[in-house]
């Protein structure tokens, strides 16, 4: 598990420094770069600044993820939360001990957040 996290962090650092992961360039050439740019254009973290006013107008933004998520969605939720904080967009982030599945015990809390957002003026 630690090895996969370290590989992911190394890849993310490469992207921050160079903009395109090495594997995309090596395997896909120019076509790979084009596909990667389309992925980046749809990245919620990168899209947030352009949509900051719409995000600020939302009644509630609630994010949660398991700290051991097999798909690293906890890292994505944390990155999105960091960007929302930078943009002064009110939100809630809850990271919990758990993985991607088997989280039905979390539903009552999520439903509570939904109810609170519907009750607010």
PDB file of N, CA and C in Angstrom:
ATOM      1  N   UNK A   1       0.832  -1.203   0.000  1.00  0.00           N
ATOM      2  CA  UNK A   1       0.000   0.000   0.000  1.00  0.00           C
ATOM      3  C   UNK A   1       0.869   1.257   0.000  1.00  0.00           C
ATOM      4  N   UNK A   2       1.883   1.281   0.854  1.00  0.00           N
ATOM      5  CA  UNK A   2       2.756   2.449   0.929  1.00  0.00           C
ATOM      6  C   UNK A   2       3.437   2.690  -0.406  1.00  0.00           C
ATOM      7  N   UNK A   3       3.840   1.589  -1.078  1.00  0.00           N
ATOM      8  CA  UNK A   3       4.500   1.718  -2.368  1.00  0.00           C
ATOM      9  C   UNK A   3       3.593   2.402  -3.386  1.00  0.00           C
ATOM     10  N   UNK A   4       2.302   2.034  -3.416  1.00  0.00           N
ATOM     11  CA  UNK A   4       1.384   2.650  -4.373  1.00  0.00           C
ATOM     12  C   UNK A   4       1.153   4.124  -4.049  1.00  0.00           C
ATOM     13  N   UNK A   5       1.128   4.460  -2.767  1.00  0.00           N
ATOM     14  CA  UNK A   5       0.975   5.864  -2.379  1.00  0.00           C
ATOM     15  C   UNK A   5       2.195   6.664  -2.810  1.00  0.00           C
ATOM     16  N   UNK A   6       3.377   6.104  -2.599  1.00  0.00           N
ATOM     17  CA  UNK A   6       4.598   6.811  -3.002  1.00  0.00           C
ATOM     18  C   UNK A   6       4.658   6.991  -4.516  1.00  0.00           C
ATOM     19  N   UNK A   7       4.237   5.969  -5.277  1.00  0.00           N
ATOM     20  CA  UNK A   7       4.200   6.115  -6.736  1.00  0.00           C
ATOM     21  C   UNK A   7       3.231   7.217  -7.137  1.00  0.00           C
ATOM     22  N   UNK A   8       2.082   7.245  -6.489  1.00  0.00           N
ATOM     23  CA  UNK A   8       1.076   8.271  -6.799  1.00  0.00           C
ATOM     24  C   UNK A   8       1.613   9.669  -6.488  1.00  0.00           C
ATOM     25  N   UNK A   9       2.249   9.820  -5.333  1.00  0.00           N
ATOM     26  CA  UNK A   9       2.813  11.125  -4.973  1.00  0.00           C
ATOM     27  C   UNK A   9       3.904  11.541  -5.950  1.00  0.00           C
ATOM     28  N   UNK A  10       4.742  10.595  -6.367  1.00  0.00           N
ATOM     29  CA  UNK A  10       5.792  10.907  -7.336  1.00  0.00           C
ATOM     30  C   UNK A  10       5.177  11.349  -8.658  1.00  0.00           C
ATOM     31  N   UNK A  11       4.123  10.648  -9.103  1.00  0.00           N
ATOM     32  CA  UNK A  11       3.464  11.034 -10.352  1.00  0.00           C
ATOM     33  C   UNK A  11       2.842  12.423 -10.247  1.00  0.00           C
ATOM     34  N   UNK A  12       2.171  12.676  -9.110  1.00  0.00           N
ATOM     35  CA  UNK A  12       1.553  13.986  -8.923  1.00  0.00           C
ATOM     36  C   UNK A  12       2.593  15.094  -8.901  1.00  0.00           C
ATOM     37  N   UNK A  13       3.743  14.827  -8.302  1.00  0.00           N
ATOM     38  CA  UNK A  13       4.815  15.817  -8.288  1.00  0.00           C
ATOM     39  C   UNK A  13       5.319  16.068  -9.708  1.00  0.00           C
ATOM     40  N   UNK A  14       5.446  15.015 -10.499  1.00  0.00           N
ATOM     41  CA  UNK A  14       5.878  15.163 -11.900  1.00  0.00           C
ATOM     42  C   UNK A  14       4.898  16.055 -12.655  1.00  0.00           C
ATOM     43  N   UNK A  15       3.609  15.803 -12.462  1.00  0.00           N
ATOM     44  CA  UNK A  15       2.587  16.602 -13.148  1.00  0.00           C
ATOM     45  C   UNK A  15       2.698  18.063 -12.731  1.00  0.00           C
ATOM     46  N   UNK A  16       2.884  18.323 -11.434  1.00  0.00           N
ATOM     47  CA  UNK A  16       3.017  19.711 -10.980  1.00  0.00           C
ATOM     48  C   UNK A  16       4.215  20.397 -11.618  1.00  0.00           C
ATOM     49  N   UNK A  17       5.304  19.666 -11.777  1.00  0.00           N
ATOM     50  CA  UNK A  17       6.524  20.264 -12.314  1.00  0.00           C
ATOM     51  C   UNK A  17       6.519  20.354 -13.837  1.00  0.00           C
ATOM     52  N   UNK A  18       5.922  19.352 -14.501  1.00  0.00           N
ATOM     53  CA  UNK A  18       6.067  19.262 -15.954  1.00  0.00           C
ATOM     54  C   UNK A  18       4.752  19.294 -16.724  1.00  0.00           C
ATOM     55  N   UNK A  19       3.630  19.144 -16.059  1.00  0.00           N
ATOM     56  CA  UNK A  19       2.338  19.280 -16.724  1.00  0.00           C
ATOM     57  C   UNK A  19       1.790  18.034 -17.384  1.00  0.00           C
ATOM     58  N   UNK A  20       2.612  17.055 -17.722  1.00  0.00           N
ATOM     59  CA  UNK A  20       2.148  15.838 -18.373  1.00  0.00           C
ATOM     60  C   UNK A  20       2.894  14.652 -17.784  1.00  0.00           C
ATOM     61  N   UNK A  21       2.185  13.609 -17.382  1.00  0.00           N
ATOM     62  CA  UNK A  21       2.895  12.455 -16.842  1.00  0.00           C
ATOM     63  C   UNK A  21       3.771  11.789 -17.900  1.00  0.00           C
ATOM     64  N   UNK A  22       4.926  11.285 -17.486  1.00  0.00           N
ATOM     65  CA  UNK A  22       5.860  10.659 -18.417  1.00  0.00           C
ATOM     66  C   UNK A  22       5.216   9.534 -19.195  1.00  0.00           C
ATOM     67  N   UNK A  23       4.430   8.707 -18.540  1.00  0.00           N
ATOM     68  CA  UNK A  23       3.847   7.557 -19.227  1.00  0.00           C
ATOM     69  C   UNK A  23       2.961   8.002 -20.385  1.00  0.00           C
ATOM     70  N   UNK A  24       2.254   9.101 -20.234  1.00  0.00           N
ATOM     71  CA  UNK A  24       1.405   9.600 -21.318  1.00  0.00           C
ATOM     72  C   UNK A  24       2.249   9.981 -22.517  1.00  0.00           C
ATOM     73  N   UNK A  25       3.361  10.645 -22.273  1.00  0.00           N
ATOM     74  CA  UNK A  25       4.232  11.065 -23.367  1.00  0.00           C
ATOM     75  C   UNK A  25       4.872   9.849 -24.027  1.00  0.00           C
ATOM     76  N   UNK A  26       5.346   8.901 -23.225  1.00  0.00           N
ATOM     77  CA  UNK A  26       6.040   7.740 -23.770  1.00  0.00           C
ATOM     78  C   UNK A  26       5.105   6.818 -24.530  1.00  0.00           C
ATOM     79  N   UNK A  27       3.914   6.596 -24.005  1.00  0.00           N
ATOM     80  CA  UNK A  27       2.997   5.645 -24.611  1.00  0.00           C
ATOM     81  C   UNK A  27       2.144   6.296 -25.687  1.00  0.00           C
ATOM     82  N   UNK A  28       1.660   7.500 -25.424  1.00  0.00           N
ATOM     83  CA  UNK A  28       0.694   8.095 -26.334  1.00  0.00           C
ATOM     84  C   UNK A  28       1.216   9.190 -27.235  1.00  0.00           C
ATOM     85  N   UNK A  29       2.411   9.662 -27.022  1.00  0.00           N
ATOM     86  CA  UNK A  29       2.937  10.751 -27.841  1.00  0.00           C
ATOM     87  C   UNK A  29       2.028  11.962 -27.793  1.00  0.00           C
ATOM     88  N   UNK A  30       1.878  12.633 -28.923  1.00  0.00           N
ATOM     89  CA  UNK A  30       1.028  13.836 -28.988  1.00  0.00           C
ATOM     90  C   UNK A  30      -0.418  13.511 -28.658  1.00  0.00           C
ATOM     91  N   UNK A  31      -0.903  12.383 -29.121  1.00  0.00           N
ATOM     92  CA  UNK A  31      -2.282  11.975 -28.825  1.00  0.00           C
ATOM     93  C   UNK A  31      -2.455  11.821 -27.313  1.00  0.00           C
ATOM     94  N   UNK A  32      -1.471  11.270 -26.647  1.00  0.00           N
ATOM     95  CA  UNK A  32      -1.519  11.126 -25.200  1.00  0.00           C
ATOM     96  C   UNK A  32      -1.588  12.474 -24.512  1.00  0.00           C
ATOM     97  N   UNK A  33      -0.827  13.440 -25.008  1.00  0.00           N
ATOM     98  CA  UNK A  33      -0.868  14.802 -24.442  1.00  0.00           C
ATOM     99  C   UNK A  33      -2.254  15.424 -24.606  1.00  0.00           C
ATOM    100  N   UNK A  34      -2.832  15.220 -25.764  1.00  0.00           N
ATOM    101  CA  UNK A  34      -4.172  15.769 -26.036  1.00  0.00           C
ATOM    102  C   UNK A  34      -5.200  15.167 -25.066  1.00  0.00           C
ATOM    103  N   UNK A  35      -5.137  13.871 -24.877  1.00  0.00           N
ATOM    104  CA  UNK A  35      -6.064  13.204 -23.962  1.00  0.00           C
ATOM    105  C   UNK A  35      -5.838  13.704 -22.539  1.00  0.00           C
ATOM    106  N   UNK A  36      -4.567  13.824 -22.141  1.00  0.00           N
ATOM    107  CA  UNK A  36      -4.257  14.303 -20.803  1.00  0.00           C
ATOM    108  C   UNK A  36      -4.790  15.720 -20.607  1.00  0.00           C
ATOM    109  N   UNK A  37      -4.676  16.582 -21.583  1.00  0.00           N
ATOM    110  CA  UNK A  37      -5.178  17.953 -21.472  1.00  0.00           C
ATOM    111  C   UNK A  37      -6.698  17.970 -21.313  1.00  0.00           C
ATOM    112  N   UNK A  38      -7.397  17.040 -21.997  1.00  0.00           N
ATOM    113  CA  UNK A  38      -8.852  16.948 -21.817  1.00  0.00           C
ATOM    114  C   UNK A  38      -9.195  16.519 -20.400  1.00  0.00           C
ATOM    115  N   UNK A  39      -8.415  15.568 -19.835  1.00  0.00           N
ATOM    116  CA  UNK A  39      -8.623  15.162 -18.447  1.00  0.00           C
ATOM    117  C   UNK A  39      -8.428  16.352 -17.523  1.00  0.00           C
ATOM    118  N   UNK A  40      -7.363  17.097 -17.726  1.00  0.00           N
ATOM    119  CA  UNK A  40      -7.076  18.242 -16.862  1.00  0.00           C
ATOM    120  C   UNK A  40      -8.173  19.296 -16.956  1.00  0.00           C
ATOM    121  N   UNK A  41      -8.726  19.491 -18.145  1.00  0.00           N
ATOM    122  CA  UNK A  41      -9.784  20.494 -18.335  1.00  0.00           C
ATOM    123  C   UNK A  41     -11.033  20.134 -17.537  1.00  0.00           C
ATOM    124  N   UNK A  42     -11.224  18.859 -17.231  1.00  0.00           N
ATOM    125  CA  UNK A  42     -12.403  18.416 -16.478  1.00  0.00           C
ATOM    126  C   UNK A  42     -12.086  18.110 -15.018  1.00  0.00           C
ATOM    127  N   UNK A  43     -10.899  18.442 -14.576  1.00  0.00           N
ATOM    128  CA  UNK A  43     -10.494  18.212 -13.189  1.00  0.00           C
ATOM    129  C   UNK A  43     -11.225  19.205 -12.287  1.00  0.00           C
ATOM    130  N   UNK A  44     -12.020  18.729 -11.329  1.00  0.00           N
ATOM    131  CA  UNK A  44     -12.767  19.648 -10.458  1.00  0.00           C
ATOM    132  C   UNK A  44     -11.875  20.654  -9.735  1.00  0.00           C
ATOM    133  N   UNK A  45     -10.684  20.245  -9.350  1.00  0.00           N
ATOM    134  CA  UNK A  45      -9.786  21.174  -8.655  1.00  0.00           C
ATOM    135  C   UNK A  45      -9.405  22.318  -9.584  1.00  0.00           C
ATOM    136  N   UNK A  46      -9.099  22.011 -10.820  1.00  0.00           N
ATOM    137  CA  UNK A  46      -8.728  23.057 -11.787  1.00  0.00           C
ATOM    138  C   UNK A  46      -9.937  23.876 -12.239  1.00  0.00           C
ATOM    139  N   UNK A  47     -11.120  23.268 -12.241  1.00  0.00           N
ATOM    140  CA  UNK A  47     -12.326  23.969 -12.679  1.00  0.00           C
ATOM    141  C   UNK A  47     -12.869  24.923 -11.612  1.00  0.00           C
ATOM    142  N   UNK A  48     -12.529  24.696 -10.366  1.00  0.00           N
ATOM    143  CA  UNK A  48     -13.130  25.432  -9.253  1.00  0.00           C
ATOM    144  C   UNK A  48     -12.955  26.940  -9.390  1.00  0.00           C
ATOM    145  N   UNK A  49     -11.780  27.394  -9.733  1.00  0.00           N
ATOM    146  CA  UNK A  49     -11.554  28.842  -9.805  1.00  0.00           C
ATOM    147  C   UNK A  49     -12.468  29.500 -10.840  1.00  0.00           C
ATOM    148  N   UNK A  50     -12.626  28.853 -11.977  1.00  0.00           N
ATOM    149  CA  UNK A  50     -13.484  29.405 -13.033  1.00  0.00           C
ATOM    150  C   UNK A  50     -14.954  29.445 -12.596  1.00  0.00           C
ATOM    151  N   UNK A  51     -15.338  28.547 -11.707  1.00  0.00           N
ATOM    152  CA  UNK A  51     -16.726  28.447 -11.257  1.00  0.00           C
ATOM    153  C   UNK A  51     -16.895  28.881  -9.799  1.00  0.00           C
ATOM    154  N   UNK A  52     -15.973  29.684  -9.310  1.00  0.00           N
ATOM    155  CA  UNK A  52     -15.970  30.062  -7.891  1.00  0.00           C
ATOM    156  C   UNK A  52     -17.273  30.736  -7.463  1.00  0.00           C
ATOM    157  N   UNK A  53     -17.795  31.644  -8.261  1.00  0.00           N
ATOM    158  CA  UNK A  53     -19.038  32.330  -7.882  1.00  0.00           C
ATOM    159  C   UNK A  53     -20.207  31.340  -7.768  1.00  0.00           C
ATOM    160  N   UNK A  54     -20.295  30.418  -8.709  1.00  0.00           N
ATOM    161  CA  UNK A  54     -21.359  29.412  -8.653  1.00  0.00           C
ATOM    162  C   UNK A  54     -21.181  28.520  -7.422  1.00  0.00           C
ATOM    163  N   UNK A  55     -19.939  28.163  -7.122  1.00  0.00           N
ATOM    164  CA  UNK A  55     -19.684  27.345  -5.936  1.00  0.00           C
ATOM    165  C   UNK A  55     -20.060  28.099  -4.663  1.00  0.00           C
ATOM    166  N   UNK A  56     -19.736  29.385  -4.610  1.00  0.00           N
ATOM    167  CA  UNK A  56     -20.085  30.189  -3.428  1.00  0.00           C
ATOM    168  C   UNK A  56     -21.589  30.323  -3.259  1.00  0.00           C
ATOM    169  N   UNK A  57     -22.336  30.229  -4.340  1.00  0.00           N
ATOM    170  CA  UNK A  57     -23.791  30.402  -4.265  1.00  0.00           C
ATOM    171  C   UNK A  57     -24.506  29.126  -3.810  1.00  0.00           C
ATOM    172  N   UNK A  58     -23.801  28.029  -3.736  1.00  0.00           N
ATOM    173  CA  UNK A  58     -24.431  26.767  -3.335  1.00  0.00           C
ATOM    174  C   UNK A  58     -24.778  26.798  -1.850  1.00  0.00           C
ATOM    175  N   UNK A  59     -25.865  26.158  -1.509  1.00  0.00           N
ATOM    176  CA  UNK A  59     -26.317  26.139  -0.112  1.00  0.00           C
ATOM    177  C   UNK A  59     -25.361  25.368   0.777  1.00  0.00           C
ATOM    178  N   UNK A  60     -24.826  24.293   0.305  1.00  0.00           N
ATOM    179  CA  UNK A  60     -23.904  23.491   1.110  1.00  0.00           C
ATOM    180  C   UNK A  60     -23.077  22.629   0.169  1.00  0.00           C
ATOM    181  N   UNK A  61     -21.801  22.536   0.471  1.00  0.00           N
ATOM    182  CA  UNK A  61     -20.907  21.595  -0.213  1.00  0.00           C
ATOM    183  C   UNK A  61     -20.345  20.686   0.865  1.00  0.00           C
ATOM    184  N   UNK A  62     -20.647  19.416   0.747  1.00  0.00           N
ATOM    185  CA  UNK A  62     -20.225  18.425   1.730  1.00  0.00           C
ATOM    186  C   UNK A  62     -19.404  17.352   1.026  1.00  0.00           C
ATOM    187  N   UNK A  63     -18.183  17.179   1.455  1.00  0.00           N
ATOM    188  CA  UNK A  63     -17.284  16.179   0.885  1.00  0.00           C
ATOM    189  C   UNK A  63     -16.913  15.194   1.974  1.00  0.00           C
ATOM    190  N   UNK A  64     -16.880  13.919   1.642  1.00  0.00           N
ATOM    191  CA  UNK A  64     -16.321  12.953   2.577  1.00  0.00           C
ATOM    192  C   UNK A  64     -15.645  11.844   1.793  1.00  0.00           C
ATOM    193  N   UNK A  65     -14.650  11.249   2.427  1.00  0.00           N
ATOM    194  CA  UNK A  65     -13.911  10.159   1.790  1.00  0.00           C
ATOM    195  C   UNK A  65     -13.183   9.368   2.863  1.00  0.00           C
ATOM    196  N   UNK A  66     -12.989   8.086   2.572  1.00  0.00           N
ATOM    197  CA  UNK A  66     -12.217   7.242   3.472  1.00  0.00           C
ATOM    198  C   UNK A  66     -10.733   7.480   3.294  1.00  0.00           C
ATOM    199  N   UNK A  67     -10.013   7.526   4.382  1.00  0.00           N
ATOM    200  CA  UNK A  67      -8.564   7.765   4.318  1.00  0.00           C
ATOM    201  C   UNK A  67      -7.807   6.632   3.639  1.00  0.00           C
ATOM    202  N   UNK A  68      -8.420   5.471   3.537  1.00  0.00           N
ATOM    203  CA  UNK A  68      -7.790   4.338   2.864  1.00  0.00           C
ATOM    204  C   UNK A  68      -8.497   4.014   1.549  1.00  0.00           C
ATOM    205  N   UNK A  69      -9.089   5.012   0.911  1.00  0.00           N
ATOM    206  CA  UNK A  69      -9.816   4.792  -0.339  1.00  0.00           C
ATOM    207  C   UNK A  69      -8.886   4.168  -1.379  1.00  0.00           C
ATOM    208  N   UNK A  70      -9.320   3.037  -1.945  1.00  0.00           N
ATOM    209  CA  UNK A  70      -8.492   2.321  -2.917  1.00  0.00           C
ATOM    210  C   UNK A  70      -8.265   3.102  -4.200  1.00  0.00           C
ATOM    211  N   UNK A  71      -9.110   4.083  -4.466  1.00  0.00           N
ATOM    212  CA  UNK A  71      -8.997   4.874  -5.684  1.00  0.00           C
ATOM    213  C   UNK A  71      -8.431   6.263  -5.396  1.00  0.00           C
ATOM    214  N   UNK A  72      -7.929   6.459  -4.175  1.00  0.00           N
ATOM    215  CA  UNK A  72      -7.305   7.710  -3.741  1.00  0.00           C
ATOM    216  C   UNK A  72      -8.254   8.900  -3.817  1.00  0.00           C
ATOM    217  N   UNK A  73      -9.562   8.640  -3.679  1.00  0.00           N
ATOM    218  CA  UNK A  73     -10.510   9.748  -3.709  1.00  0.00           C
ATOM    219  C   UNK A  73     -10.355  10.650  -2.497  1.00  0.00           C
ATOM    220  N   UNK A  74      -9.735  10.138  -1.439  1.00  0.00           N
ATOM    221  CA  UNK A  74      -9.458  11.000  -0.292  1.00  0.00           C
ATOM    222  C   UNK A  74      -8.472  12.097  -0.675  1.00  0.00           C
ATOM    223  N   UNK A  75      -7.500  11.769  -1.527  1.00  0.00           N
ATOM    224  CA  UNK A  75      -6.550  12.792  -1.989  1.00  0.00           C
ATOM    225  C   UNK A  75      -7.255  13.821  -2.863  1.00  0.00           C
ATOM    226  N   UNK A  76      -8.174  13.346  -3.723  1.00  0.00           N
ATOM    227  CA  UNK A  76      -8.932  14.267  -4.563  1.00  0.00           C
ATOM    228  C   UNK A  76      -9.843  15.162  -3.748  1.00  0.00           C
ATOM    229  N   UNK A  77     -10.508  14.581  -2.748  1.00  0.00           N
ATOM    230  CA  UNK A  77     -11.393  15.379  -1.891  1.00  0.00           C
ATOM    231  C   UNK A  77     -10.588  16.416  -1.119  1.00  0.00           C
ATOM    232  N   UNK A  78      -9.417  16.031  -0.634  1.00  0.00           N
ATOM    233  CA  UNK A  78      -8.565  16.969   0.099  1.00  0.00           C
ATOM    234  C   UNK A  78      -8.072  18.085  -0.817  1.00  0.00           C
ATOM    235  N   UNK A  79      -7.671  17.736  -2.037  1.00  0.00           N
ATOM    236  CA  UNK A  79      -7.206  18.753  -2.983  1.00  0.00           C
ATOM    237  C   UNK A  79      -8.334  19.717  -3.343  1.00  0.00           C
ATOM    238  N   UNK A  80      -9.548  19.174  -3.562  1.00  0.00           N
ATOM    239  CA  UNK A  80     -10.695  20.033  -3.880  1.00  0.00           C
ATOM    240  C   UNK A  80     -11.032  20.925  -2.687  1.00  0.00           C
ATOM    241  N   UNK A  81     -11.001  20.362  -1.489  1.00  0.00           N
ATOM    242  CA  UNK A  81     -11.251  21.147  -0.283  1.00  0.00           C
ATOM    243  C   UNK A  81     -10.226  22.275  -0.137  1.00  0.00           C
ATOM    244  N   UNK A  82      -8.958  21.965  -0.381  1.00  0.00           N
ATOM    245  CA  UNK A  82      -7.910  22.992  -0.297  1.00  0.00           C
ATOM    246  C   UNK A  82      -8.180  24.132  -1.289  1.00  0.00           C
ATOM    247  N   UNK A  83      -8.616  23.761  -2.489  1.00  0.00           N
ATOM    248  CA  UNK A  83      -8.911  24.788  -3.497  1.00  0.00           C
ATOM    249  C   UNK A  83     -10.136  25.598  -3.097  1.00  0.00           C
ATOM    250  N   UNK A  84     -11.166  24.949  -2.565  1.00  0.00           N
ATOM    251  CA  UNK A  84     -12.337  25.683  -2.095  1.00  0.00           C
ATOM    252  C   UNK A  84     -11.964  26.645  -0.972  1.00  0.00           C
ATOM    253  N   UNK A  85     -11.104  26.213  -0.074  1.00  0.00           N
ATOM    254  CA  UNK A  85     -10.638  27.082   1.004  1.00  0.00           C
ATOM    255  C   UNK A  85      -9.894  28.285   0.422  1.00  0.00           C
ATOM    256  N   UNK A  86      -9.013  28.029  -0.550  1.00  0.00           N
ATOM    257  CA  UNK A  86      -8.268  29.122  -1.190  1.00  0.00           C
ATOM    258  C   UNK A  86      -9.207  30.138  -1.837  1.00  0.00           C
ATOM    259  N   UNK A  87     -10.313  29.645  -2.393  1.00  0.00           N
ATOM    260  CA  UNK A  87     -11.283  30.503  -3.077  1.00  0.00           C
ATOM    261  C   UNK A  87     -12.332  31.073  -2.127  1.00  0.00           C
ATOM    262  N   UNK A  88     -12.207  30.779  -0.840  1.00  0.00           N
ATOM    263  CA  UNK A  88     -13.157  31.248   0.178  1.00  0.00           C
ATOM    264  C   UNK A  88     -14.575  30.742  -0.103  1.00  0.00           C
ATOM    265  N   UNK A  89     -14.669  29.464  -0.458  1.00  0.00           N
ATOM    266  CA  UNK A  89     -15.952  28.811  -0.695  1.00  0.00           C
ATOM    267  C   UNK A  89     -16.278  27.966   0.538  1.00  0.00           C
ATOM    268  N   UNK A  90     -17.377  28.268   1.228  1.00  0.00           N
ATOM    269  CA  UNK A  90     -17.746  27.469   2.409  1.00  0.00           C
ATOM    270  C   UNK A  90     -18.027  26.012   2.027  1.00  0.00           C
ATOM    271  N   UNK A  91     -17.511  25.094   2.812  1.00  0.00           N
ATOM    272  CA  UNK A  91     -17.714  23.671   2.559  1.00  0.00           C
ATOM    273  C   UNK A  91     -17.339  22.878   3.805  1.00  0.00           C
ATOM    274  N   UNK A  92     -17.676  21.619   3.767  1.00  0.00           N
ATOM    275  CA  UNK A  92     -17.312  20.695   4.835  1.00  0.00           C
ATOM    276  C   UNK A  92     -16.584  19.522   4.212  1.00  0.00           C
ATOM    277  N   UNK A  93     -15.457  19.146   4.809  1.00  0.00           N
ATOM    278  CA  UNK A  93     -14.723  17.956   4.398  1.00  0.00           C
ATOM    279  C   UNK A  93     -14.596  17.045   5.606  1.00  0.00           C
ATOM    280  N   UNK A  94     -15.029  15.804   5.445  1.00  0.00           N
ATOM    281  CA  UNK A  94     -14.867  14.803   6.495  1.00  0.00           C
ATOM    282  C   UNK A  94     -14.090  13.628   5.922  1.00  0.00           C
ATOM    283  N   UNK A  95     -12.894  13.423   6.448  1.00  0.00           N
ATOM    284  CA  UNK A  95     -12.108  12.234   6.107  1.00  0.00           C
ATOM    285  C   UNK A  95     -12.277  11.254   7.253  1.00  0.00           C
ATOM    286  N   UNK A  96     -12.593  10.022   6.932  1.00  0.00           N
ATOM    287  CA  UNK A  96     -12.881   9.037   7.968  1.00  0.00           C
ATOM    288  C   UNK A  96     -12.028   7.796   7.749  1.00  0.00           C
ATOM    289  N   UNK A  97     -11.895   7.005   8.787  1.00  0.00           N
ATOM    290  CA  UNK A  97     -11.175   5.742   8.677  1.00  0.00           C
ATOM    291  C   UNK A  97     -12.053   4.766   7.914  1.00  0.00           C
ATOM    292  N   UNK A  98     -11.633   4.425   6.719  1.00  0.00           N
ATOM    293  CA  UNK A  98     -12.402   3.511   5.898  1.00  0.00           C
ATOM    294  C   UNK A  98     -11.895   3.521   4.478  1.00  0.00           C
ATOM    295  N   UNK A  99     -12.509   2.648   3.685  1.00  0.00           N
ATOM    296  CA  UNK A  99     -12.135   2.509   2.281  1.00  0.00           C
ATOM    297  C   UNK A  99     -13.249   3.070   1.406  1.00  0.00           C
ATOM    298  N   UNK A 100     -13.263   2.653   0.144  1.00  0.00           N
ATOM    299  CA  UNK A 100     -14.241   3.166  -0.808  1.00  0.00           C
ATOM    300  C   UNK A 100     -15.622   2.552  -0.588  1.00  0.00           C
ATOM    301  N   UNK A 101     -15.660   1.300  -0.189  1.00  0.00           N
ATOM    302  CA  UNK A 101     -16.936   0.610  -0.014  1.00  0.00           C
ATOM    303  C   UNK A 101     -17.203   0.298   1.447  1.00  0.00           C
ATOM    304  N   UNK A 102     -18.349  -0.301   1.684  1.00  0.00           N
ATOM    305  CA  UNK A 102     -18.715  -0.697   3.030  1.00  0.00           C
ATOM    306  C   UNK A 102     -18.908   0.488   3.959  1.00  0.00           C
ATOM    307  N   UNK A 103     -19.485   1.542   3.433  1.00  0.00           N
ATOM    308  CA  UNK A 103     -19.609   2.775   4.226  1.00  0.00           C
ATOM    309  C   UNK A 103     -21.058   3.173   4.450  1.00  0.00           C
ATOM    310  N   UNK A 104     -21.958   2.215   4.386  1.00  0.00           N
ATOM    311  CA  UNK A 104     -23.369   2.559   4.576  1.00  0.00           C
ATOM    312  C   UNK A 104     -23.624   3.174   5.952  1.00  0.00           C
ATOM    313  N   UNK A 105     -22.757   2.890   6.917  1.00  0.00           N
ATOM    314  CA  UNK A 105     -22.902   3.521   8.229  1.00  0.00           C
ATOM    315  C   UNK A 105     -22.715   5.031   8.157  1.00  0.00           C
ATOM    316  N   UNK A 106     -22.161   5.533   7.070  1.00  0.00           N
ATOM    317  CA  UNK A 106     -21.941   6.970   6.893  1.00  0.00           C
ATOM    318  C   UNK A 106     -23.180   7.670   6.313  1.00  0.00           C
ATOM    319  N   UNK A 107     -24.115   6.924   5.766  1.00  0.00           N
ATOM    320  CA  UNK A 107     -25.285   7.519   5.115  1.00  0.00           C
ATOM    321  C   UNK A 107     -26.077   8.456   6.018  1.00  0.00           C
ATOM    322  N   UNK A 108     -26.355   8.091   7.274  1.00  0.00           N
ATOM    323  CA  UNK A 108     -27.137   9.015   8.115  1.00  0.00           C
ATOM    324  C   UNK A 108     -26.495  10.403   8.231  1.00  0.00           C
ATOM    325  N   UNK A 109     -25.188  10.462   8.358  1.00  0.00           N
ATOM    326  CA  UNK A 109     -24.523  11.764   8.441  1.00  0.00           C
ATOM    327  C   UNK A 109     -24.642  12.554   7.147  1.00  0.00           C
ATOM    328  N   UNK A 110     -24.502  11.860   6.014  1.00  0.00           N
ATOM    329  CA  UNK A 110     -24.635  12.529   4.721  1.00  0.00           C
ATOM    330  C   UNK A 110     -26.071  13.016   4.505  1.00  0.00           C
ATOM    331  N   UNK A 111     -27.031  12.184   4.890  1.00  0.00           N
ATOM    332  CA  UNK A 111     -28.437  12.587   4.761  1.00  0.00           C
ATOM    333  C   UNK A 111     -28.726  13.775   5.676  1.00  0.00           C
ATOM    334  N   UNK A 112     -28.126  13.789   6.845  1.00  0.00           N
ATOM    335  CA  UNK A 112     -28.284  14.934   7.761  1.00  0.00           C
ATOM    336  C   UNK A 112     -27.790  16.218   7.088  1.00  0.00           C
ATOM    337  N   UNK A 113     -26.654  16.146   6.418  1.00  0.00           N
ATOM    338  CA  UNK A 113     -26.130  17.320   5.714  1.00  0.00           C
ATOM    339  C   UNK A 113     -27.108  17.791   4.634  1.00  0.00           C
ATOM    340  N   UNK A 114     -27.696  16.838   3.917  1.00  0.00           N
ATOM    341  CA  UNK A 114     -28.684  17.176   2.894  1.00  0.00           C
ATOM    342  C   UNK A 114     -29.898  17.867   3.515  1.00  0.00           C
ATOM    343  N   UNK A 115     -30.399  17.316   4.601  1.00  0.00           N
ATOM    344  CA  UNK A 115     -31.559  17.913   5.272  1.00  0.00           C
ATOM    345  C   UNK A 115     -31.233  19.316   5.756  1.00  0.00           C
ATOM    346  N   UNK A 116     -30.065  19.499   6.346  1.00  0.00           N
ATOM    347  CA  UNK A 116     -29.680  20.832   6.809  1.00  0.00           C
ATOM    348  C   UNK A 116     -29.634  21.827   5.656  1.00  0.00           C
ATOM    349  N   UNK A 117     -29.129  21.386   4.510  1.00  0.00           N
ATOM    350  CA  UNK A 117     -29.054  22.319   3.370  1.00  0.00           C
ATOM    351  C   UNK A 117     -30.431  22.661   2.836  1.00  0.00           C
ATOM    352  N   UNK A 118     -31.372  21.742   2.919  1.00  0.00           N
ATOM    353  CA  UNK A 118     -32.733  22.014   2.442  1.00  0.00           C
ATOM    354  C   UNK A 118     -33.499  22.906   3.415  1.00  0.00           C
ATOM    355  N   UNK A 119     -33.139  22.861   4.697  1.00  0.00           N
ATOM    356  CA  UNK A 119     -33.832  23.673   5.698  1.00  0.00           C
ATOM    357  C   UNK A 119     -33.341  25.114   5.731  1.00  0.00           C
ATOM    358  N   UNK A 120     -32.117  25.331   5.304  1.00  0.00           N
ATOM    359  CA  UNK A 120     -31.549  26.689   5.364  1.00  0.00           C
ATOM    360  C   UNK A 120     -32.235  27.592   4.339  1.00  0.00           C
ATOM    361  N   UNK A 121     -32.425  28.859   4.698  1.00  0.00           N
ATOM    362  CA  UNK A 121     -33.069  29.779   3.731  1.00  0.00           C
ATOM    363  C   UNK A 121     -32.175  30.079   2.554  1.00  0.00           C
TER     364      UNK A 121
END
